[in-house]
Amino acid sequence: MITIRGSIDFNKMIERIVDDISDDLLDELKSATPVDSGQAAGGWILKKSKRVNTITNKVPYISELEKGHSSQAPTGMTKPAIDKIIANAASGKYKRK
């Protein structure tokens, strides 16, 4: 027999987790982006909506940086950033609070 005490608003919980992951991913992308003028790192934009958040960067040369054309980020930015989010998830960072 399972007893549930209190109520859980799953929609709010999911939204919070998605927002937490998105915020952390944005921070990781900015940190992993090579800095010369700072334009590429500053170009990351997070747009939030219910359950779907989008991170974009419209700096014209961002795809070249992602391909590793900078010694500061030879493996690009997205893989290291996503690897960090996966490590965060594995450590329990995004569990329900």
C-alpha atoms as a PDB file:
ATOM      1  CA  MET A   1       0.000   0.000   0.000  1.00  0.00           C
ATOM      2  CA  ILE A   2       1.291   3.453  -0.924  1.00  0.00           C
ATOM      3  CA  THR A   3       0.402   6.468   1.141  1.00  0.00           C
ATOM      4  CA  ILE A   4       0.981   9.934  -0.282  1.00  0.00           C
ATOM      5  CA  ARG A   5       0.945  12.816   2.151  1.00  0.00           C
ATOM      6  CA  GLY A   6       0.482  16.315   0.892  1.00  0.00           C
ATOM      7  CA  SER A   7       0.114  17.176  -2.727  1.00  0.00           C
ATOM      8  CA  ILE A   8       2.648  17.417  -5.488  1.00  0.00           C
ATOM      9  CA  ASP A   9       2.178  19.830  -8.347  1.00  0.00           C
ATOM     10  CA  PHE A  10       4.050  17.892 -11.019  1.00  0.00           C
ATOM     11  CA  ASN A  11       3.728  20.664 -13.596  1.00  0.00           C
ATOM     12  CA  LYS A  12       5.434  23.174 -11.295  1.00  0.00           C
ATOM     13  CA  MET A  13       8.060  20.613 -10.343  1.00  0.00           C
ATOM     14  CA  ILE A  14       8.853  19.865 -13.998  1.00  0.00           C
ATOM     15  CA  GLU A  15       8.965  23.562 -14.864  1.00  0.00           C
ATOM     16  CA  ARG A  16      11.370  24.225 -11.983  1.00  0.00           C
ATOM     17  CA  ILE A  17      13.654  21.381 -13.037  1.00  0.00           C
ATOM     18  CA  VAL A  18      13.637  22.497 -16.687  1.00  0.00           C
ATOM     19  CA  ASP A  19      14.365  26.082 -15.588  1.00  0.00           C
ATOM     20  CA  ASP A  20      17.200  24.975 -13.278  1.00  0.00           C
ATOM     21  CA  ILE A  21      18.806  22.871 -16.015  1.00  0.00           C
ATOM     22  CA  SER A  22      18.375  25.661 -18.575  1.00  0.00           C
ATOM     23  CA  ASP A  23      19.912  28.264 -16.262  1.00  0.00           C
ATOM     24  CA  ASP A  24      22.870  25.996 -15.516  1.00  0.00           C
ATOM     25  CA  LEU A  25      23.327  25.126 -19.199  1.00  0.00           C
ATOM     26  CA  LEU A  26      23.327  28.813 -20.130  1.00  0.00           C
ATOM     27  CA  ASP A  27      25.973  29.506 -17.472  1.00  0.00           C
ATOM     28  CA  GLU A  28      28.091  26.576 -18.669  1.00  0.00           C
ATOM     29  CA  LEU A  29      27.847  27.666 -22.313  1.00  0.00           C
ATOM     30  CA  LYS A  30      28.911  31.185 -21.429  1.00  0.00           C
ATOM     31  CA  SER A  31      31.827  29.845 -19.373  1.00  0.00           C
ATOM     32  CA  ALA A  32      32.925  27.454 -22.113  1.00  0.00           C
ATOM     33  CA  THR A  33      32.769  30.052 -24.902  1.00  0.00           C
ATOM     34  CA  PRO A  34      36.151  31.459 -25.921  1.00  0.00           C
ATOM     35  CA  VAL A  35      36.605  35.120 -25.064  1.00  0.00           C
ATOM     36  CA  ASP A  36      38.291  37.647 -27.310  1.00  0.00           C
ATOM     37  CA  SER A  37      35.888  40.573 -27.392  1.00  0.00           C
ATOM     38  CA  GLY A  38      33.250  38.796 -25.280  1.00  0.00           C
ATOM     39  CA  GLN A  39      30.659  39.046 -28.053  1.00  0.00           C
ATOM     40  CA  ALA A  40      30.261  35.272 -28.493  1.00  0.00           C
ATOM     41  CA  ALA A  41      29.912  34.563 -24.771  1.00  0.00           C
ATOM     42  CA  GLY A  42      27.464  37.440 -24.436  1.00  0.00           C
ATOM     43  CA  GLY A  43      25.473  36.199 -27.407  1.00  0.00           C
ATOM     44  CA  TRP A  44      23.871  33.288 -25.566  1.00  0.00           C
ATOM     45  CA  ILE A  45      20.162  33.933 -25.009  1.00  0.00           C
ATOM     46  CA  LEU A  46      17.749  31.842 -22.944  1.00  0.00           C
ATOM     47  CA  LYS A  47      14.044  32.036 -23.772  1.00  0.00           C
ATOM     48  CA  LYS A  48      11.790  30.347 -21.239  1.00  0.00           C
ATOM     49  CA  SER A  49       8.283  29.010 -21.712  1.00  0.00           C
ATOM     50  CA  LYS A  50       6.323  26.233 -20.041  1.00  0.00           C
ATOM     51  CA  ARG A  51       8.365  23.017 -20.202  1.00  0.00           C
ATOM     52  CA  VAL A  52      10.317  24.181 -23.262  1.00  0.00           C
ATOM     53  CA  ASN A  53      13.267  26.503 -22.953  1.00  0.00           C
ATOM     54  CA  THR A  54      15.481  27.489 -25.867  1.00  0.00           C
ATOM     55  CA  ILE A  55      19.094  28.617 -25.804  1.00  0.00           C
ATOM     56  CA  THR A  56      20.422  30.322 -28.917  1.00  0.00           C
ATOM     57  CA  ASN A  57      23.428  32.295 -30.054  1.00  0.00           C
ATOM     58  CA  LYS A  58      23.200  34.335 -33.253  1.00  0.00           C
ATOM     59  CA  VAL A  59      26.796  35.551 -33.284  1.00  0.00           C
ATOM     60  CA  PRO A  60      27.862  34.913 -36.913  1.00  0.00           C
ATOM     61  CA  TYR A  61      30.984  32.903 -36.026  1.00  0.00           C
ATOM     62  CA  ILE A  62      29.506  30.793 -33.207  1.00  0.00           C
ATOM     63  CA  SER A  63      29.405  27.667 -35.394  1.00  0.00           C
ATOM     64  CA  GLU A  64      33.133  28.019 -36.111  1.00  0.00           C
ATOM     65  CA  LEU A  65      33.836  28.257 -32.380  1.00  0.00           C
ATOM     66  CA  GLU A  66      31.634  25.204 -31.819  1.00  0.00           C
ATOM     67  CA  LYS A  67      33.729  23.309 -34.382  1.00  0.00           C
ATOM     68  CA  GLY A  68      36.805  23.965 -32.237  1.00  0.00           C
ATOM     69  CA  HIS A  69      38.423  26.777 -34.213  1.00  0.00           C
ATOM     70  CA  SER A  70      39.685  28.343 -30.990  1.00  0.00           C
ATOM     71  CA  SER A  71      42.458  26.972 -28.821  1.00  0.00           C
ATOM     72  CA  GLN A  72      40.403  28.165 -25.830  1.00  0.00           C
ATOM     73  CA  ALA A  73      37.650  25.656 -26.697  1.00  0.00           C
ATOM     74  CA  PRO A  74      39.129  22.964 -28.949  1.00  0.00           C
ATOM     75  CA  THR A  75      36.108  20.686 -28.403  1.00  0.00           C
ATOM     76  CA  GLY A  76      33.551  23.468 -28.807  1.00  0.00           C
ATOM     77  CA  MET A  77      31.176  24.637 -26.106  1.00  0.00           C
ATOM     78  CA  THR A  78      28.066  22.499 -26.176  1.00  0.00           C
ATOM     79  CA  LYS A  79      29.605  19.109 -25.397  1.00  0.00           C
ATOM     80  CA  PRO A  80      31.504  20.291 -22.298  1.00  0.00           C
ATOM     81  CA  ALA A  81      28.440  22.237 -21.145  1.00  0.00           C
ATOM     82  CA  ILE A  82      26.095  19.275 -21.612  1.00  0.00           C
ATOM     83  CA  ASP A  83      28.602  16.949 -19.928  1.00  0.00           C
ATOM     84  CA  LYS A  84      28.518  19.257 -16.892  1.00  0.00           C
ATOM     85  CA  ILE A  85      24.700  19.174 -16.815  1.00  0.00           C
ATOM     86  CA  ILE A  86      24.769  15.373 -17.010  1.00  0.00           C
ATOM     87  CA  ALA A  87      27.223  15.304 -14.091  1.00  0.00           C
ATOM     88  CA  ASN A  88      24.959  17.668 -12.147  1.00  0.00           C
ATOM     89  CA  ALA A  89      21.983  15.398 -12.784  1.00  0.00           C
ATOM     90  CA  ALA A  90      23.949  12.308 -11.758  1.00  0.00           C
ATOM     91  CA  SER A  91      24.915  14.015  -8.499  1.00  0.00           C
ATOM     92  CA  GLY A  92      21.247  14.679  -7.730  1.00  0.00           C
ATOM     93  CA  LYS A  93      21.356  18.434  -8.223  1.00  0.00           C
ATOM     94  CA  TYR A  94      18.019  18.526 -10.043  1.00  0.00           C
ATOM     95  CA  LYS A  95      16.040  16.319  -7.699  1.00  0.00           C
ATOM     96  CA  ARG A  96      12.764  17.606  -6.346  1.00  0.00           C
ATOM     97  CA  LYS A  97      13.226  20.097  -3.552  1.00  0.00           C
END
